[in-house]
Amino acid sequence: MEKPVSPHHSQRQVRLDQHDSVRSHVQQQICDEVRRLERRIETLRLTKAPHAAIMISAYERMICRKKGFLQNWDLQ
């Protein structure tokens, strides 16, 4: 049996980006992702993988985008 949706509930707008706990969680997740990508880049630089340069370039673009997201949302 489904719960009825109140008319006020469906019209209420929630802006999660304004909650400190959500902003903190998002910041922590993205910073962790950036650190993991940086470690992958360092590992790739030490290997002789045939496509390492392409993968490093892709990871660097991902890092740049993630850091840009943090900056745009004032999460740095």
Protein backbone atom coordinates (compact mmCIF):
# COMPACT_ATOMS: atom_id res chain seq x y z
CA MET A 1 0.00 0.00 0.00
CA GLU A 2 1.47 3.36 -1.03
CA LYS A 3 1.53 6.43 1.16
CA PRO A 4 -0.56 9.30 -0.12
CA VAL A 5 1.51 12.30 -1.15
CA SER A 6 0.43 15.50 0.49
CA PRO A 7 0.02 18.47 -1.86
CA HIS A 8 2.43 20.55 0.19
CA HIS A 9 5.12 17.88 0.09
CA SER A 10 5.20 17.59 -3.69
CA GLN A 11 5.49 21.37 -4.14
CA ARG A 12 8.17 21.94 -1.51
CA GLN A 13 11.57 22.61 -3.01
CA VAL A 14 14.59 21.35 -1.15
CA ARG A 15 17.97 22.84 -1.99
CA LEU A 16 20.42 20.25 -0.73
CA ASP A 17 23.41 22.37 -1.68
CA GLN A 18 22.49 24.75 1.13
CA HIS A 19 22.88 22.12 3.87
CA ASP A 20 26.35 22.06 5.43
CA SER A 21 26.31 18.29 5.99
CA VAL A 22 25.54 17.62 2.32
CA ARG A 23 28.14 20.11 1.13
CA SER A 24 30.72 18.58 3.46
CA HIS A 25 29.94 15.06 2.27
CA VAL A 26 30.15 16.06 -1.40
CA GLN A 27 33.42 17.89 -0.79
CA GLN A 28 34.92 14.88 0.98
CA GLN A 29 33.81 12.47 -1.74
CA ILE A 30 35.24 14.58 -4.55
CA CYS A 31 38.52 15.17 -2.70
CA ASP A 32 38.84 11.41 -2.16
CA GLU A 33 38.18 10.81 -5.87
CA VAL A 34 40.85 13.36 -6.82
CA ARG A 35 43.40 11.68 -4.52
CA ARG A 36 42.61 8.27 -6.04
CA LEU A 37 43.02 9.64 -9.56
CA GLU A 38 46.32 11.28 -8.61
CA ARG A 39 47.59 7.94 -7.25
CA ARG A 40 46.53 6.20 -10.48
CA ILE A 41 48.44 8.78 -12.48
CA GLU A 42 51.58 8.20 -10.41
CA THR A 43 51.24 4.44 -10.88
CA LEU A 44 50.76 4.83 -14.62
CA ARG A 45 53.84 7.03 -14.87
CA LEU A 46 55.89 4.17 -13.40
CA THR A 47 54.56 1.54 -15.82
CA LYS A 48 55.32 0.85 -19.45
CA ALA A 49 51.67 0.41 -20.39
CA PRO A 50 51.09 1.11 -24.10
CA HIS A 51 48.23 3.54 -23.51
CA ALA A 52 49.45 5.09 -20.25
CA ALA A 53 49.75 8.59 -21.73
CA ILE A 54 46.14 8.52 -22.94
CA MET A 55 44.90 7.29 -19.56
CA ILE A 56 46.96 9.89 -17.71
CA SER A 57 45.54 12.63 -19.91
CA ALA A 58 41.98 11.42 -19.26
CA TYR A 59 42.59 11.25 -15.50
CA GLU A 60 44.08 14.76 -15.51
CA ARG A 61 40.98 16.10 -17.29
CA MET A 62 38.77 14.36 -14.71
CA ILE A 63 40.77 15.93 -11.88
CA CYS A 64 40.50 19.35 -13.50
CA ARG A 65 36.72 19.00 -13.83
CA LYS A 66 36.32 17.81 -10.26
CA LYS A 67 38.42 20.69 -8.94
CA GLY A 68 36.39 23.07 -11.11
CA PHE A 69 33.19 21.70 -9.60
CA LEU A 70 34.56 22.28 -6.10
CA GLN A 71 35.51 25.83 -7.02
CA ASN A 72 32.17 26.62 -8.68
CA TRP A 73 30.27 25.46 -5.58
CA ASP A 74 32.69 27.14 -3.14
CA LEU A 75 33.69 23.80 -1.65
CA GLN A 76 37.47 24.22 -1.65
